[in-house]
Amino acid sequence: MRSSPRSASPPRTRQRSRVREANEAVKGARLAAGELGLDRYNLRPLLEKLGVVYRDATES
């Protein structure tokens, strides 16, 4: 059984927070550099499967 976040010890909680913050910084930098969430989270195959056609702003 997994322990709940409330049962985590303070040092472990701090460590998890630091890891999460580092991951968020990497994700934020990639998105700020222009990477689309669509690609970051590998959503194009799902959209294609659902029949959704993605068009970027440069397409008419």
N, C-alpha and C. Protein backbone atom coordinates (compact mmCIF):
# COMPACT_ATOMS: atom_id res chain seq x y z
N MET A 1 0.84 -1.18 0.00
CA MET A 1 0.00 0.00 0.00
C MET A 1 0.88 1.24 0.00
N ARG A 2 0.55 2.21 -0.83
CA ARG A 2 1.29 3.46 -0.89
C ARG A 2 0.94 4.33 0.29
N SER A 3 1.95 5.01 0.80
CA SER A 3 1.68 5.94 1.89
C SER A 3 1.16 7.24 1.30
N SER A 4 0.35 7.91 2.07
CA SER A 4 -0.18 9.19 1.62
C SER A 4 0.89 10.27 1.79
N PRO A 5 0.77 11.37 1.07
CA PRO A 5 1.75 12.45 1.22
C PRO A 5 1.85 12.96 2.65
N ARG A 6 0.76 12.89 3.40
CA ARG A 6 0.77 13.36 4.78
C ARG A 6 1.66 12.52 5.67
N SER A 7 1.86 11.25 5.30
CA SER A 7 2.67 10.39 6.14
C SER A 7 4.15 10.45 5.79
N ALA A 8 4.50 11.19 4.75
CA ALA A 8 5.91 11.30 4.36
C ALA A 8 6.66 12.13 5.39
N SER A 9 7.89 11.75 5.63
CA SER A 9 8.70 12.49 6.59
C SER A 9 9.10 13.84 6.00
N PRO A 10 9.34 14.84 6.84
CA PRO A 10 9.72 16.16 6.32
C PRO A 10 10.92 16.13 5.37
N PRO A 11 12.02 15.41 5.67
CA PRO A 11 13.13 15.40 4.70
C PRO A 11 12.72 14.81 3.34
N ARG A 12 11.91 13.76 3.38
CA ARG A 12 11.46 13.16 2.12
C ARG A 12 10.53 14.10 1.37
N THR A 13 9.69 14.80 2.09
CA THR A 13 8.79 15.77 1.48
C THR A 13 9.58 16.89 0.83
N ARG A 14 10.61 17.38 1.52
CA ARG A 14 11.45 18.43 0.94
C ARG A 14 12.13 17.94 -0.33
N GLN A 15 12.62 16.70 -0.28
CA GLN A 15 13.30 16.14 -1.46
C GLN A 15 12.32 16.04 -2.63
N ARG A 16 11.13 15.55 -2.37
CA ARG A 16 10.13 15.44 -3.44
C ARG A 16 9.77 16.81 -3.99
N SER A 17 9.67 17.79 -3.13
CA SER A 17 9.35 19.15 -3.57
C SER A 17 10.44 19.70 -4.48
N ARG A 18 11.69 19.45 -4.11
CA ARG A 18 12.81 19.93 -4.94
C ARG A 18 12.81 19.25 -6.31
N VAL A 19 12.54 17.96 -6.33
CA VAL A 19 12.49 17.22 -7.59
C VAL A 19 11.35 17.76 -8.45
N ARG A 20 10.19 17.97 -7.84
CA ARG A 20 9.05 18.49 -8.59
C ARG A 20 9.35 19.88 -9.14
N GLU A 21 9.95 20.74 -8.33
CA GLU A 21 10.28 22.08 -8.79
C GLU A 21 11.28 22.04 -9.94
N ALA A 22 12.26 21.16 -9.87
CA ALA A 22 13.23 21.03 -10.96
C ALA A 22 12.55 20.56 -12.23
N ASN A 23 11.66 19.59 -12.11
CA ASN A 23 10.93 19.09 -13.28
C ASN A 23 10.06 20.19 -13.88
N GLU A 24 9.41 20.96 -13.04
CA GLU A 24 8.57 22.06 -13.53
C GLU A 24 9.41 23.12 -14.23
N ALA A 25 10.60 23.38 -13.72
CA ALA A 25 11.48 24.37 -14.36
C ALA A 25 11.88 23.91 -15.75
N VAL A 26 12.19 22.62 -15.90
CA VAL A 26 12.55 22.08 -17.21
C VAL A 26 11.37 22.18 -18.16
N LYS A 27 10.20 21.77 -17.70
CA LYS A 27 8.99 21.83 -18.55
C LYS A 27 8.70 23.27 -18.95
N GLY A 28 8.78 24.18 -17.98
CA GLY A 28 8.51 25.59 -18.27
C GLY A 28 9.47 26.16 -19.29
N ALA A 29 10.74 25.81 -19.17
CA ALA A 29 11.74 26.31 -20.11
C ALA A 29 11.47 25.79 -21.52
N ARG A 30 11.10 24.52 -21.62
CA ARG A 30 10.82 23.94 -22.94
C ARG A 30 9.59 24.60 -23.57
N LEU A 31 8.57 24.83 -22.77
CA LEU A 31 7.37 25.49 -23.29
C LEU A 31 7.67 26.94 -23.65
N ALA A 32 8.47 27.63 -22.84
CA ALA A 32 8.84 29.02 -23.13
C ALA A 32 9.67 29.12 -24.40
N ALA A 33 10.42 28.06 -24.70
CA ALA A 33 11.24 28.05 -25.91
C ALA A 33 10.42 27.74 -27.16
N GLY A 34 9.14 27.48 -26.97
CA GLY A 34 8.27 27.28 -28.12
C GLY A 34 7.78 25.87 -28.34
N GLU A 35 8.23 24.93 -27.53
CA GLU A 35 7.73 23.56 -27.68
C GLU A 35 6.24 23.54 -27.30
N LEU A 36 5.45 22.91 -28.11
CA LEU A 36 4.02 22.83 -27.85
C LEU A 36 3.71 21.73 -26.85
N GLY A 37 2.74 22.00 -25.99
CA GLY A 37 2.27 20.96 -25.07
C GLY A 37 1.78 19.75 -25.83
N LEU A 38 1.25 20.01 -27.01
CA LEU A 38 0.78 18.95 -27.90
C LEU A 38 1.89 17.94 -28.19
N ASP A 39 3.09 18.45 -28.39
CA ASP A 39 4.24 17.58 -28.65
C ASP A 39 4.87 17.11 -27.34
N ARG A 40 4.97 17.99 -26.38
CA ARG A 40 5.59 17.66 -25.09
C ARG A 40 4.90 16.47 -24.44
N TYR A 41 3.59 16.43 -24.54
CA TYR A 41 2.83 15.37 -23.90
C TYR A 41 2.36 14.30 -24.89
N ASN A 42 2.96 14.32 -26.09
CA ASN A 42 2.72 13.29 -27.11
C ASN A 42 1.23 13.10 -27.40
N LEU A 43 0.55 14.20 -27.68
CA LEU A 43 -0.89 14.14 -27.92
C LEU A 43 -1.27 14.01 -29.39
N ARG A 44 -0.35 14.21 -30.29
CA ARG A 44 -0.69 14.12 -31.72
C ARG A 44 -1.28 12.76 -32.10
N PRO A 45 -0.71 11.64 -31.64
CA PRO A 45 -1.31 10.35 -32.00
C PRO A 45 -2.76 10.21 -31.49
N LEU A 46 -3.02 10.70 -30.30
CA LEU A 46 -4.38 10.63 -29.75
C LEU A 46 -5.33 11.48 -30.58
N LEU A 47 -4.91 12.69 -30.93
CA LEU A 47 -5.75 13.55 -31.76
C LEU A 47 -6.04 12.90 -33.10
N GLU A 48 -5.01 12.30 -33.69
CA GLU A 48 -5.20 11.63 -34.97
C GLU A 48 -6.20 10.47 -34.83
N LYS A 49 -6.06 9.71 -33.77
CA LYS A 49 -6.97 8.60 -33.52
C LYS A 49 -8.41 9.08 -33.36
N LEU A 50 -8.57 10.24 -32.75
CA LEU A 50 -9.90 10.81 -32.54
C LEU A 50 -10.43 11.55 -33.76
N GLY A 51 -9.61 11.67 -34.80
CA GLY A 51 -10.03 12.34 -36.01
C GLY A 51 -9.88 13.84 -35.98
N VAL A 52 -9.14 14.34 -35.02
CA VAL A 52 -8.93 15.78 -34.91
C VAL A 52 -7.77 16.17 -35.82
N VAL A 53 -7.96 17.23 -36.58
CA VAL A 53 -6.90 17.73 -37.45
C VAL A 53 -6.30 18.97 -36.79
N TYR A 54 -5.01 18.91 -36.51
CA TYR A 54 -4.32 20.03 -35.90
C TYR A 54 -3.74 20.91 -36.99
N ARG A 55 -3.99 22.20 -36.88
CA ARG A 55 -3.43 23.17 -37.81
C ARG A 55 -2.80 24.27 -36.99
N ASP A 56 -1.56 24.61 -37.31
CA ASP A 56 -0.95 25.71 -36.57
C ASP A 56 -1.40 27.04 -37.16
N ALA A 57 -1.02 28.11 -36.53
CA ALA A 57 -1.49 29.44 -36.91
C ALA A 57 -1.04 29.87 -38.29
N THR A 58 0.02 29.26 -38.83
CA THR A 58 0.51 29.68 -40.15
C THR A 58 -0.28 29.06 -41.30
N GLU A 59 -1.08 28.04 -40.99
CA GLU A 59 -1.88 27.40 -42.03
C GLU A 59 -3.19 28.17 -42.22
N SER A 60 -3.69 28.19 -43.45
CA SER A 60 -4.96 28.89 -43.68
C SER A 60 -6.09 27.92 -43.85
